[in-house]
N, C-alpha and C. Protein backbone atom coordinates (compact mmCIF):
# COMPACT_ATOMS: atom_id res chain seq x y z
N MET A 1 -25.19 16.69 44.38
CA MET A 1 -23.87 16.30 43.89
C MET A 1 -23.32 17.41 43.00
N PRO A 2 -22.11 17.93 43.29
CA PRO A 2 -21.58 19.05 42.51
C PRO A 2 -21.33 18.64 41.07
N SER A 3 -21.58 19.58 40.16
CA SER A 3 -21.36 19.30 38.75
C SER A 3 -19.87 19.34 38.45
N ARG A 4 -19.50 18.61 37.42
CA ARG A 4 -18.10 18.55 37.02
C ARG A 4 -17.93 19.20 35.64
N THR A 5 -16.83 19.88 35.47
CA THR A 5 -16.50 20.46 34.18
C THR A 5 -15.34 19.70 33.59
N PHE A 6 -15.54 19.21 32.38
CA PHE A 6 -14.49 18.44 31.71
C PHE A 6 -13.83 19.29 30.63
N HIS A 7 -12.53 19.19 30.55
CA HIS A 7 -11.78 19.95 29.55
C HIS A 7 -11.01 18.98 28.67
N ALA A 8 -11.02 19.23 27.37
CA ALA A 8 -10.28 18.38 26.44
C ALA A 8 -8.78 18.53 26.67
N SER A 9 -8.07 17.42 26.61
CA SER A 9 -6.62 17.47 26.78
C SER A 9 -5.95 16.93 25.52
N SER A 10 -4.73 17.37 25.31
CA SER A 10 -3.98 16.95 24.14
C SER A 10 -3.50 15.52 24.32
N ALA A 11 -3.51 14.75 23.24
CA ALA A 11 -2.96 13.41 23.28
C ALA A 11 -1.44 13.44 23.43
N LEU A 12 -0.85 14.62 23.19
CA LEU A 12 0.60 14.77 23.28
C LEU A 12 1.03 15.56 24.50
N GLU A 13 0.14 15.70 25.46
CA GLU A 13 0.40 16.57 26.61
C GLU A 13 1.70 16.22 27.33
N SER A 14 2.01 14.95 27.46
CA SER A 14 3.22 14.55 28.18
C SER A 14 4.43 14.39 27.26
N LEU A 15 4.23 14.59 25.96
CA LEU A 15 5.31 14.38 25.00
C LEU A 15 5.82 15.66 24.36
N ALA A 16 4.91 16.54 23.99
CA ALA A 16 5.29 17.76 23.26
C ALA A 16 5.76 18.83 24.24
N ILE A 17 6.92 18.61 24.81
CA ILE A 17 7.50 19.51 25.80
C ILE A 17 8.32 20.58 25.07
N PRO A 18 7.99 21.86 25.24
CA PRO A 18 8.75 22.90 24.55
C PRO A 18 10.24 22.85 24.86
N GLY A 19 11.06 23.08 23.84
CA GLY A 19 12.50 23.09 24.04
C GLY A 19 13.23 22.68 22.77
N ARG A 20 14.55 22.65 22.87
CA ARG A 20 15.42 22.29 21.75
C ARG A 20 15.91 20.86 21.97
N PHE A 21 15.87 20.03 20.90
CA PHE A 21 16.23 18.63 21.02
C PHE A 21 17.03 18.20 19.79
N GLY A 22 17.57 16.96 19.87
CA GLY A 22 18.32 16.42 18.74
C GLY A 22 19.68 17.06 18.62
N ARG A 23 20.15 17.22 17.39
CA ARG A 23 21.48 17.78 17.13
C ARG A 23 21.64 19.13 17.80
N GLU A 24 22.77 19.29 18.46
CA GLU A 24 23.05 20.54 19.14
C GLU A 24 23.86 21.47 18.23
N GLY A 25 23.76 22.74 18.53
CA GLY A 25 24.54 23.72 17.79
C GLY A 25 23.86 24.18 16.53
N GLY A 26 23.96 25.46 16.26
CA GLY A 26 23.35 26.02 15.07
C GLY A 26 21.85 26.17 15.20
N GLU A 27 21.26 26.70 14.16
CA GLU A 27 19.81 26.91 14.16
C GLU A 27 19.08 25.58 13.99
N ALA A 28 17.98 25.41 14.69
CA ALA A 28 17.19 24.19 14.54
C ALA A 28 16.68 24.09 13.11
N GLY A 29 16.79 22.90 12.54
CA GLY A 29 16.34 22.71 11.16
C GLY A 29 14.84 22.59 11.04
N VAL A 30 14.18 22.25 12.15
CA VAL A 30 12.75 22.00 12.13
C VAL A 30 12.11 22.54 13.41
N THR A 31 10.93 23.11 13.26
CA THR A 31 10.11 23.50 14.42
C THR A 31 8.82 22.70 14.36
N ILE A 32 8.45 22.12 15.50
CA ILE A 32 7.23 21.32 15.61
C ILE A 32 6.29 21.99 16.61
N GLU A 33 5.06 22.18 16.20
CA GLU A 33 4.08 22.81 17.09
C GLU A 33 2.73 22.12 16.94
N GLU A 34 2.14 21.76 18.06
CA GLU A 34 0.78 21.22 18.02
C GLU A 34 -0.21 22.38 17.95
N ARG A 35 -1.13 22.32 17.03
CA ARG A 35 -2.15 23.36 16.89
C ARG A 35 -3.37 22.94 17.73
N THR A 36 -3.43 23.45 18.92
CA THR A 36 -4.50 23.08 19.85
C THR A 36 -5.66 24.07 19.76
N GLY A 37 -6.81 23.65 20.28
CA GLY A 37 -7.97 24.53 20.34
C GLY A 37 -8.71 24.71 19.03
N LEU A 38 -8.39 23.89 18.04
CA LEU A 38 -9.05 24.01 16.74
C LEU A 38 -10.39 23.28 16.72
N GLY A 39 -11.28 23.74 15.84
CA GLY A 39 -12.46 22.98 15.50
C GLY A 39 -12.17 22.20 14.24
N LEU A 40 -12.53 20.92 14.21
CA LEU A 40 -12.29 20.06 13.05
C LEU A 40 -13.58 19.31 12.73
N ALA A 41 -13.92 19.22 11.47
CA ALA A 41 -15.11 18.47 11.07
C ALA A 41 -14.96 18.02 9.63
N THR A 42 -15.48 16.83 9.32
CA THR A 42 -15.52 16.38 7.94
C THR A 42 -16.85 16.82 7.33
N VAL A 43 -16.77 17.18 6.06
CA VAL A 43 -17.94 17.64 5.30
C VAL A 43 -18.05 16.77 4.05
N ALA A 44 -19.19 16.11 3.86
CA ALA A 44 -19.40 15.26 2.69
C ALA A 44 -20.67 15.70 1.98
N ALA A 45 -20.54 16.04 0.71
CA ALA A 45 -21.70 16.50 -0.07
C ALA A 45 -22.73 15.38 -0.19
N ARG A 46 -24.00 15.71 -0.02
CA ARG A 46 -25.05 14.74 -0.22
C ARG A 46 -25.34 14.58 -1.71
N LYS A 47 -25.89 13.44 -2.04
CA LYS A 47 -26.13 13.11 -3.44
C LYS A 47 -26.95 14.20 -4.13
N GLY A 48 -26.41 14.69 -5.26
CA GLY A 48 -27.10 15.69 -6.05
C GLY A 48 -27.02 17.10 -5.52
N GLU A 49 -26.27 17.31 -4.42
CA GLU A 49 -26.23 18.64 -3.79
C GLU A 49 -24.86 19.30 -3.89
N ALA A 50 -23.96 18.76 -4.69
CA ALA A 50 -22.59 19.28 -4.74
C ALA A 50 -22.53 20.75 -5.12
N GLU A 51 -23.25 21.14 -6.16
CA GLU A 51 -23.20 22.53 -6.60
C GLU A 51 -23.86 23.46 -5.60
N ALA A 52 -24.99 23.03 -5.05
CA ALA A 52 -25.66 23.85 -4.04
C ALA A 52 -24.78 24.00 -2.80
N LEU A 53 -24.06 22.95 -2.46
CA LEU A 53 -23.15 23.01 -1.31
C LEU A 53 -22.05 24.03 -1.56
N LYS A 54 -21.45 24.01 -2.74
CA LYS A 54 -20.39 24.96 -3.06
C LYS A 54 -20.89 26.40 -2.96
N GLN A 55 -22.09 26.64 -3.45
CA GLN A 55 -22.66 27.98 -3.38
C GLN A 55 -22.90 28.41 -1.94
N ALA A 56 -23.39 27.47 -1.12
CA ALA A 56 -23.66 27.78 0.28
C ALA A 56 -22.38 28.09 1.04
N VAL A 57 -21.33 27.32 0.77
CA VAL A 57 -20.04 27.55 1.44
C VAL A 57 -19.45 28.89 1.01
N ALA A 58 -19.53 29.19 -0.29
CA ALA A 58 -19.01 30.46 -0.78
C ALA A 58 -19.75 31.63 -0.14
N SER A 59 -21.07 31.52 0.01
CA SER A 59 -21.86 32.59 0.59
C SER A 59 -21.59 32.75 2.07
N ALA A 60 -21.47 31.62 2.79
CA ALA A 60 -21.33 31.67 4.24
C ALA A 60 -19.90 31.94 4.70
N TYR A 61 -18.91 31.41 3.97
CA TYR A 61 -17.54 31.45 4.47
C TYR A 61 -16.53 32.10 3.52
N GLY A 62 -16.99 32.55 2.37
CA GLY A 62 -16.12 33.30 1.47
C GLY A 62 -15.03 32.50 0.82
N VAL A 63 -15.24 31.19 0.62
CA VAL A 63 -14.25 30.36 -0.05
C VAL A 63 -14.95 29.46 -1.06
N GLU A 64 -14.20 29.04 -2.07
CA GLU A 64 -14.73 28.11 -3.06
C GLU A 64 -14.18 26.72 -2.76
N LEU A 65 -15.06 25.78 -2.49
CA LEU A 65 -14.63 24.42 -2.17
C LEU A 65 -13.79 23.85 -3.31
N PRO A 66 -12.62 23.31 -3.02
CA PRO A 66 -11.77 22.75 -4.08
C PRO A 66 -12.33 21.44 -4.60
N ASP A 67 -12.14 21.19 -5.89
CA ASP A 67 -12.59 19.95 -6.51
C ASP A 67 -11.56 18.84 -6.40
N ARG A 68 -10.39 19.15 -5.83
CA ARG A 68 -9.32 18.17 -5.73
C ARG A 68 -8.62 18.34 -4.39
N SER A 69 -7.54 17.61 -4.20
CA SER A 69 -6.77 17.71 -2.96
C SER A 69 -6.08 19.06 -2.90
N ARG A 70 -6.73 19.98 -2.23
CA ARG A 70 -6.26 21.36 -2.17
C ARG A 70 -6.78 22.00 -0.89
N ALA A 71 -6.04 22.93 -0.32
CA ALA A 71 -6.47 23.65 0.87
C ALA A 71 -6.84 25.08 0.48
N VAL A 72 -8.01 25.52 0.92
CA VAL A 72 -8.44 26.90 0.69
C VAL A 72 -8.76 27.52 2.04
N HIS A 73 -8.50 28.82 2.17
CA HIS A 73 -8.62 29.47 3.46
C HIS A 73 -9.55 30.68 3.38
N GLY A 74 -10.49 30.74 4.32
CA GLY A 74 -11.39 31.88 4.42
C GLY A 74 -11.17 32.60 5.73
N PRO A 75 -11.94 33.65 6.00
CA PRO A 75 -11.76 34.43 7.22
C PRO A 75 -11.97 33.63 8.50
N SER A 76 -12.87 32.65 8.47
CA SER A 76 -13.19 31.93 9.70
C SER A 76 -12.84 30.45 9.66
N MET A 77 -12.57 29.90 8.49
CA MET A 77 -12.20 28.49 8.43
C MET A 77 -11.54 28.13 7.12
N SER A 78 -10.89 26.97 7.14
CA SER A 78 -10.25 26.42 5.95
C SER A 78 -10.93 25.11 5.58
N PHE A 79 -10.86 24.77 4.30
CA PHE A 79 -11.39 23.50 3.82
C PHE A 79 -10.28 22.79 3.05
N ILE A 80 -10.03 21.53 3.41
CA ILE A 80 -8.99 20.74 2.76
C ILE A 80 -9.67 19.58 2.05
N GLY A 81 -9.58 19.54 0.72
CA GLY A 81 -10.17 18.46 -0.05
C GLY A 81 -9.38 17.18 0.13
N TYR A 82 -10.08 16.06 0.34
CA TYR A 82 -9.37 14.79 0.47
C TYR A 82 -10.03 13.65 -0.28
N GLY A 83 -11.09 13.91 -1.01
CA GLY A 83 -11.75 12.90 -1.82
C GLY A 83 -12.90 13.54 -2.56
N PRO A 84 -13.46 12.86 -3.56
CA PRO A 84 -14.57 13.45 -4.31
C PRO A 84 -15.73 13.83 -3.39
N GLY A 85 -16.04 15.12 -3.37
CA GLY A 85 -17.14 15.60 -2.54
C GLY A 85 -16.90 15.52 -1.05
N GLN A 86 -15.63 15.50 -0.63
CA GLN A 86 -15.30 15.38 0.80
C GLN A 86 -14.20 16.37 1.18
N TRP A 87 -14.38 16.99 2.35
CA TRP A 87 -13.43 17.99 2.81
C TRP A 87 -13.26 17.89 4.33
N LEU A 88 -12.10 18.31 4.80
CA LEU A 88 -11.87 18.51 6.22
C LEU A 88 -11.94 20.00 6.48
N ALA A 89 -12.84 20.41 7.38
CA ALA A 89 -12.95 21.82 7.75
C ALA A 89 -12.14 22.06 9.02
N VAL A 90 -11.37 23.14 9.04
CA VAL A 90 -10.49 23.48 10.16
C VAL A 90 -10.75 24.94 10.53
N SER A 91 -10.97 25.19 11.84
CA SER A 91 -11.30 26.56 12.24
C SER A 91 -10.76 26.89 13.62
N GLU A 92 -10.27 28.12 13.76
CA GLU A 92 -9.97 28.68 15.08
C GLU A 92 -11.19 29.40 15.63
N THR A 93 -11.94 30.04 14.77
CA THR A 93 -13.10 30.82 15.18
C THR A 93 -14.15 29.96 15.84
N PHE A 94 -14.43 28.81 15.24
CA PHE A 94 -15.41 27.87 15.78
C PHE A 94 -14.64 26.69 16.37
N ALA A 95 -14.29 26.80 17.63
CA ALA A 95 -13.43 25.80 18.26
C ALA A 95 -14.23 24.57 18.68
N SER A 96 -13.52 23.45 18.72
CA SER A 96 -14.07 22.18 19.18
C SER A 96 -15.36 21.84 18.47
N GLU A 97 -16.36 21.34 19.22
CA GLU A 97 -17.58 20.85 18.59
C GLU A 97 -18.46 21.97 18.05
N THR A 98 -18.17 23.23 18.37
CA THR A 98 -18.99 24.32 17.84
C THR A 98 -18.86 24.42 16.33
N LEU A 99 -17.75 23.94 15.76
CA LEU A 99 -17.60 23.98 14.30
C LEU A 99 -18.63 23.08 13.63
N ALA A 100 -18.77 21.85 14.11
CA ALA A 100 -19.75 20.94 13.52
C ALA A 100 -21.16 21.50 13.64
N CYS A 101 -21.48 22.15 14.75
CA CYS A 101 -22.80 22.76 14.93
C CYS A 101 -23.01 23.90 13.93
N GLU A 102 -21.99 24.73 13.77
CA GLU A 102 -22.06 25.84 12.83
C GLU A 102 -22.28 25.34 11.41
N LEU A 103 -21.49 24.36 10.99
CA LEU A 103 -21.62 23.82 9.64
C LEU A 103 -22.97 23.12 9.46
N GLY A 104 -23.40 22.42 10.49
CA GLY A 104 -24.69 21.73 10.40
C GLY A 104 -25.84 22.68 10.17
N GLU A 105 -25.78 23.86 10.80
CA GLU A 105 -26.84 24.86 10.63
C GLU A 105 -26.78 25.50 9.25
N ARG A 106 -25.58 25.88 8.82
CA ARG A 106 -25.43 26.60 7.56
C ARG A 106 -25.61 25.71 6.33
N LEU A 107 -25.26 24.42 6.47
CA LEU A 107 -25.25 23.52 5.32
C LEU A 107 -26.31 22.43 5.45
N ARG A 108 -27.34 22.71 6.21
CA ARG A 108 -28.39 21.73 6.46
C ARG A 108 -29.00 21.23 5.14
N GLY A 109 -29.07 19.91 5.02
CA GLY A 109 -29.66 19.30 3.83
C GLY A 109 -28.72 19.17 2.64
N LEU A 110 -27.56 19.81 2.73
CA LEU A 110 -26.62 19.80 1.61
C LEU A 110 -25.41 18.91 1.85
N ALA A 111 -25.08 18.69 3.12
CA ALA A 111 -23.88 17.92 3.44
C ALA A 111 -24.06 17.15 4.75
N SER A 112 -23.32 16.08 4.86
CA SER A 112 -23.24 15.32 6.11
C SER A 112 -22.01 15.82 6.87
N ILE A 113 -22.20 16.18 8.13
CA ILE A 113 -21.13 16.77 8.93
C ILE A 113 -20.77 15.82 10.07
N SER A 114 -19.50 15.63 10.31
CA SER A 114 -19.05 14.79 11.41
C SER A 114 -17.95 15.51 12.20
N ASP A 115 -18.19 15.72 13.49
CA ASP A 115 -17.21 16.40 14.33
C ASP A 115 -15.96 15.53 14.49
N GLN A 116 -14.80 16.12 14.27
CA GLN A 116 -13.52 15.42 14.40
C GLN A 116 -12.60 16.10 15.42
N SER A 117 -13.12 17.07 16.14
CA SER A 117 -12.27 17.88 17.01
C SER A 117 -11.55 17.07 18.08
N GLY A 118 -12.22 16.06 18.61
CA GLY A 118 -11.58 15.24 19.63
C GLY A 118 -10.88 14.02 19.08
N GLY A 119 -11.00 13.80 17.78
CA GLY A 119 -10.45 12.59 17.18
C GLY A 119 -9.20 12.78 16.37
N ARG A 120 -8.77 14.02 16.19
CA ARG A 120 -7.58 14.29 15.38
C ARG A 120 -6.60 15.16 16.16
N THR A 121 -5.34 15.00 15.84
CA THR A 121 -4.27 15.88 16.32
C THR A 121 -3.71 16.59 15.11
N VAL A 122 -3.50 17.91 15.23
CA VAL A 122 -2.94 18.68 14.12
C VAL A 122 -1.58 19.23 14.55
N LEU A 123 -0.56 18.92 13.77
CA LEU A 123 0.79 19.40 14.02
C LEU A 123 1.23 20.31 12.89
N ARG A 124 1.98 21.35 13.24
CA ARG A 124 2.60 22.19 12.22
C ARG A 124 4.10 21.94 12.23
N LEU A 125 4.62 21.56 11.07
CA LEU A 125 6.04 21.29 10.90
C LEU A 125 6.60 22.35 9.97
N SER A 126 7.62 23.09 10.42
CA SER A 126 8.15 24.18 9.61
C SER A 126 9.67 24.24 9.75
N GLY A 127 10.26 25.00 8.85
CA GLY A 127 11.71 25.19 8.90
C GLY A 127 12.41 24.65 7.67
N PRO A 128 13.68 24.98 7.48
CA PRO A 128 14.41 24.64 6.26
C PRO A 128 14.58 23.15 6.01
N ARG A 129 14.47 22.31 7.05
CA ARG A 129 14.62 20.87 6.85
C ARG A 129 13.31 20.11 7.03
N ALA A 130 12.20 20.83 7.08
CA ALA A 130 10.89 20.18 7.25
C ALA A 130 10.61 19.19 6.13
N ARG A 131 10.92 19.59 4.90
CA ARG A 131 10.68 18.71 3.74
C ARG A 131 11.53 17.44 3.85
N ALA A 132 12.77 17.58 4.28
CA ALA A 132 13.66 16.42 4.41
C ALA A 132 13.16 15.45 5.47
N VAL A 133 12.61 15.97 6.55
CA VAL A 133 12.06 15.10 7.59
C VAL A 133 10.89 14.30 7.05
N LEU A 134 9.96 14.97 6.40
CA LEU A 134 8.77 14.29 5.89
C LEU A 134 9.13 13.27 4.81
N ALA A 135 10.16 13.55 4.03
CA ALA A 135 10.57 12.65 2.95
C ALA A 135 11.01 11.29 3.48
N LYS A 136 11.33 11.21 4.75
CA LYS A 136 11.75 9.94 5.33
C LYS A 136 10.60 8.94 5.44
N GLY A 137 9.37 9.44 5.42
CA GLY A 137 8.26 8.51 5.59
C GLY A 137 7.08 8.75 4.69
N LEU A 138 7.03 9.89 4.03
CA LEU A 138 5.87 10.25 3.21
C LEU A 138 6.12 9.87 1.76
N PRO A 139 5.32 8.97 1.18
CA PRO A 139 5.58 8.48 -0.18
C PRO A 139 5.01 9.37 -1.28
N ILE A 140 5.12 10.69 -1.12
CA ILE A 140 4.70 11.61 -2.18
C ILE A 140 5.80 12.63 -2.40
N ASP A 141 5.80 13.25 -3.56
CA ASP A 141 6.83 14.22 -3.93
C ASP A 141 6.50 15.59 -3.35
N LEU A 142 7.36 16.07 -2.46
CA LEU A 142 7.16 17.38 -1.84
C LEU A 142 8.02 18.47 -2.48
N HIS A 143 8.66 18.16 -3.60
CA HIS A 143 9.45 19.19 -4.27
C HIS A 143 8.54 20.36 -4.63
N PRO A 144 9.04 21.59 -4.51
CA PRO A 144 8.21 22.77 -4.79
C PRO A 144 7.53 22.76 -6.15
N ARG A 145 8.12 22.06 -7.13
CA ARG A 145 7.48 21.99 -8.44
C ARG A 145 6.22 21.13 -8.41
N ALA A 146 6.15 20.21 -7.43
CA ALA A 146 5.02 19.28 -7.36
C ALA A 146 4.08 19.59 -6.21
N PHE A 147 4.59 20.23 -5.15
CA PHE A 147 3.80 20.47 -3.94
C PHE A 147 4.14 21.87 -3.44
N GLU A 148 3.16 22.74 -3.44
CA GLU A 148 3.38 24.16 -3.12
C GLU A 148 2.36 24.61 -2.09
N PRO A 149 2.45 25.85 -1.61
CA PRO A 149 1.44 26.34 -0.68
C PRO A 149 0.03 26.16 -1.25
N GLY A 150 -0.83 25.54 -0.45
CA GLY A 150 -2.19 25.23 -0.90
C GLY A 150 -2.35 23.80 -1.35
N SER A 151 -1.23 23.12 -1.67
CA SER A 151 -1.30 21.71 -2.05
C SER A 151 -1.68 20.87 -0.83
N ALA A 152 -2.40 19.78 -1.07
CA ALA A 152 -2.83 18.90 0.02
C ALA A 152 -2.81 17.47 -0.47
N ALA A 153 -2.71 16.53 0.46
CA ALA A 153 -2.72 15.12 0.10
C ALA A 153 -3.17 14.30 1.30
N THR A 154 -3.72 13.14 1.00
CA THR A 154 -4.04 12.14 2.02
C THR A 154 -3.15 10.94 1.76
N SER A 155 -2.37 10.55 2.76
CA SER A 155 -1.37 9.51 2.54
C SER A 155 -1.10 8.78 3.86
N THR A 156 0.04 8.12 3.92
CA THR A 156 0.48 7.45 5.15
C THR A 156 1.92 7.81 5.43
N ILE A 157 2.26 7.82 6.70
CA ILE A 157 3.63 7.96 7.14
C ILE A 157 3.88 6.86 8.17
N SER A 158 4.84 6.00 7.89
CA SER A 158 5.13 4.88 8.78
C SER A 158 3.87 4.10 9.12
N LEU A 159 3.06 3.83 8.09
CA LEU A 159 1.82 3.05 8.18
C LEU A 159 0.71 3.76 8.95
N MET A 160 0.87 5.06 9.23
CA MET A 160 -0.15 5.84 9.92
C MET A 160 -0.78 6.83 8.96
N GLY A 161 -2.11 6.85 8.91
CA GLY A 161 -2.80 7.76 8.00
C GLY A 161 -2.58 9.21 8.37
N VAL A 162 -2.43 10.06 7.35
CA VAL A 162 -2.18 11.48 7.59
C VAL A 162 -2.79 12.32 6.47
N GLN A 163 -3.35 13.45 6.84
CA GLN A 163 -3.72 14.47 5.87
C GLN A 163 -2.71 15.61 6.01
N ILE A 164 -2.15 16.04 4.90
CA ILE A 164 -1.11 17.06 4.93
C ILE A 164 -1.44 18.16 3.94
N TRP A 165 -1.20 19.40 4.34
CA TRP A 165 -1.33 20.52 3.42
C TRP A 165 -0.22 21.53 3.70
N GLN A 166 0.28 22.14 2.63
CA GLN A 166 1.38 23.10 2.78
C GLN A 166 0.82 24.48 3.04
N VAL A 167 1.37 25.13 4.06
CA VAL A 167 0.88 26.43 4.52
C VAL A 167 1.59 27.58 3.83
N ASP A 168 2.92 27.49 3.71
CA ASP A 168 3.68 28.60 3.13
C ASP A 168 4.98 28.07 2.54
N ASP A 169 5.82 29.02 2.09
CA ASP A 169 7.07 28.66 1.42
C ASP A 169 8.22 28.42 2.38
N ALA A 170 8.01 28.49 3.69
CA ALA A 170 9.11 28.39 4.65
C ALA A 170 10.03 27.16 4.47
N PRO A 171 9.56 25.93 4.23
CA PRO A 171 8.13 25.60 4.10
C PRO A 171 7.52 25.21 5.45
N SER A 172 6.19 25.41 5.56
CA SER A 172 5.44 24.95 6.72
C SER A 172 4.34 24.02 6.23
N TYR A 173 4.13 22.94 6.99
CA TYR A 173 3.09 21.97 6.66
C TYR A 173 2.22 21.71 7.89
N ASP A 174 0.93 21.57 7.67
CA ASP A 174 0.04 21.09 8.72
C ASP A 174 -0.28 19.64 8.44
N LEU A 175 -0.28 18.83 9.50
CA LEU A 175 -0.56 17.41 9.38
C LEU A 175 -1.65 17.04 10.37
N ALA A 176 -2.72 16.43 9.88
CA ALA A 176 -3.81 15.95 10.73
C ALA A 176 -3.72 14.44 10.82
N ILE A 177 -3.63 13.92 12.03
CA ILE A 177 -3.52 12.48 12.25
C ILE A 177 -4.57 12.06 13.27
N PHE A 178 -4.90 10.78 13.28
CA PHE A 178 -5.87 10.30 14.26
C PHE A 178 -5.27 10.35 15.65
N ARG A 179 -6.07 10.77 16.61
CA ARG A 179 -5.62 10.91 17.99
C ARG A 179 -5.03 9.60 18.52
N SER A 180 -5.61 8.47 18.11
CA SER A 180 -5.19 7.17 18.64
C SER A 180 -3.74 6.82 18.30
N VAL A 181 -3.20 7.43 17.23
CA VAL A 181 -1.81 7.13 16.85
C VAL A 181 -0.89 8.32 17.09
N SER A 182 -1.38 9.33 17.80
CA SER A 182 -0.60 10.56 17.99
C SER A 182 0.75 10.30 18.65
N ALA A 183 0.77 9.47 19.68
CA ALA A 183 2.03 9.21 20.38
C ALA A 183 3.01 8.49 19.48
N SER A 184 2.53 7.50 18.72
CA SER A 184 3.41 6.77 17.81
C SER A 184 3.94 7.70 16.72
N PHE A 185 3.06 8.56 16.22
CA PHE A 185 3.50 9.50 15.19
C PHE A 185 4.54 10.46 15.75
N TRP A 186 4.33 10.93 16.96
CA TRP A 186 5.28 11.85 17.58
C TRP A 186 6.67 11.21 17.70
N HIS A 187 6.71 9.95 18.09
CA HIS A 187 8.00 9.27 18.21
C HIS A 187 8.68 9.15 16.85
N TRP A 188 7.90 8.83 15.81
CA TRP A 188 8.50 8.76 14.47
C TRP A 188 9.03 10.14 14.05
N LEU A 189 8.22 11.17 14.27
CA LEU A 189 8.57 12.51 13.82
C LEU A 189 9.82 13.04 14.52
N THR A 190 9.88 12.89 15.82
CA THR A 190 11.03 13.43 16.55
C THR A 190 12.30 12.63 16.26
N ALA A 191 12.16 11.32 16.06
CA ALA A 191 13.34 10.51 15.69
C ALA A 191 13.85 10.93 14.32
N SER A 192 12.93 11.24 13.41
CA SER A 192 13.30 11.63 12.05
C SER A 192 13.91 13.03 12.01
N ALA A 193 13.49 13.89 12.93
CA ALA A 193 13.97 15.27 12.95
C ALA A 193 15.25 15.46 13.76
N ALA A 194 15.62 14.46 14.56
CA ALA A 194 16.72 14.62 15.51
C ALA A 194 18.04 14.99 14.83
N GLU A 195 18.32 14.44 13.65
CA GLU A 195 19.62 14.71 13.01
C GLU A 195 19.77 16.17 12.58
N PHE A 196 18.63 16.86 12.40
CA PHE A 196 18.67 18.26 11.97
C PHE A 196 18.60 19.23 13.15
N GLY A 197 18.29 18.70 14.33
CA GLY A 197 18.00 19.55 15.47
C GLY A 197 16.59 20.10 15.33
N TYR A 198 15.75 19.95 16.35
CA TYR A 198 14.37 20.43 16.23
C TYR A 198 13.94 21.18 17.49
N GLN A 199 13.07 22.13 17.26
CA GLN A 199 12.52 22.96 18.33
C GLN A 199 11.05 22.60 18.48
N VAL A 200 10.64 22.27 19.70
CA VAL A 200 9.23 22.05 19.99
C VAL A 200 8.68 23.37 20.53
N ALA A 201 7.73 23.95 19.80
CA ALA A 201 7.16 25.23 20.20
C ALA A 201 5.94 25.01 21.09
N LYS A 202 5.64 25.97 21.90
CA LYS A 202 4.45 25.90 22.74
C LYS A 202 3.21 25.85 21.86
N GLY A 203 2.34 24.90 22.10
CA GLY A 203 1.18 24.68 21.26
C GLY A 203 0.16 25.80 21.35
N GLY A 204 -0.63 25.91 20.32
CA GLY A 204 -1.70 26.92 20.29
C GLY A 204 -2.27 27.01 18.90
N SER A 205 -3.42 27.64 18.77
CA SER A 205 -4.00 27.83 17.43
C SER A 205 -3.37 29.07 16.82
N ARG A 206 -3.28 29.06 15.51
CA ARG A 206 -2.70 30.19 14.78
C ARG A 206 -3.26 30.16 13.38
N PRO A 207 -3.12 31.23 12.63
CA PRO A 207 -3.72 31.27 11.31
C PRO A 207 -3.27 30.13 10.42
N GLN A 208 -4.23 29.63 9.55
CA GLN A 208 -3.88 28.57 8.63
C GLN A 208 -2.96 29.09 7.55
């Protein structure tokens, strides 16, 4: 019997069609892009190993794990704090389940690792009206005085859980949501962005 090769597919494959939508005329206020091909994994410090874990991560990946809701970026991966002793690791270098394997080897005995590559969808929202779109459903203050590049939060949008971190001053934001609600989230996002005009970019991985 011939062997079969299975390839992961996006939960938004039939929805995230590249093109211009919503309000016509003028520059699009928002650009939406799915960040595909990423490795995602949760990292939770084991009891009594928090300091040893931080040292191991600094040595292996060149970043200092944040003690609060914050995103830090290294050469091969990023870590987004979302709770005491808990982080979401995001990587282009170690795609899909290879990230969890890499972390499991390097952080053995110091942290519990759980692969999230097939369970989350990551979207990048950018452009001059990105903040206004998110403000329609996100119950946190995104004003630059309160939320800046590197800031991160775990919250809800339209009753759907989301992890969000700001990438740059454009502003650009990355949002990680559960795959099971990706379609519902997409409908909320595009409906909220329509008044500003939005561009759906071709998906792909890109620097954090």
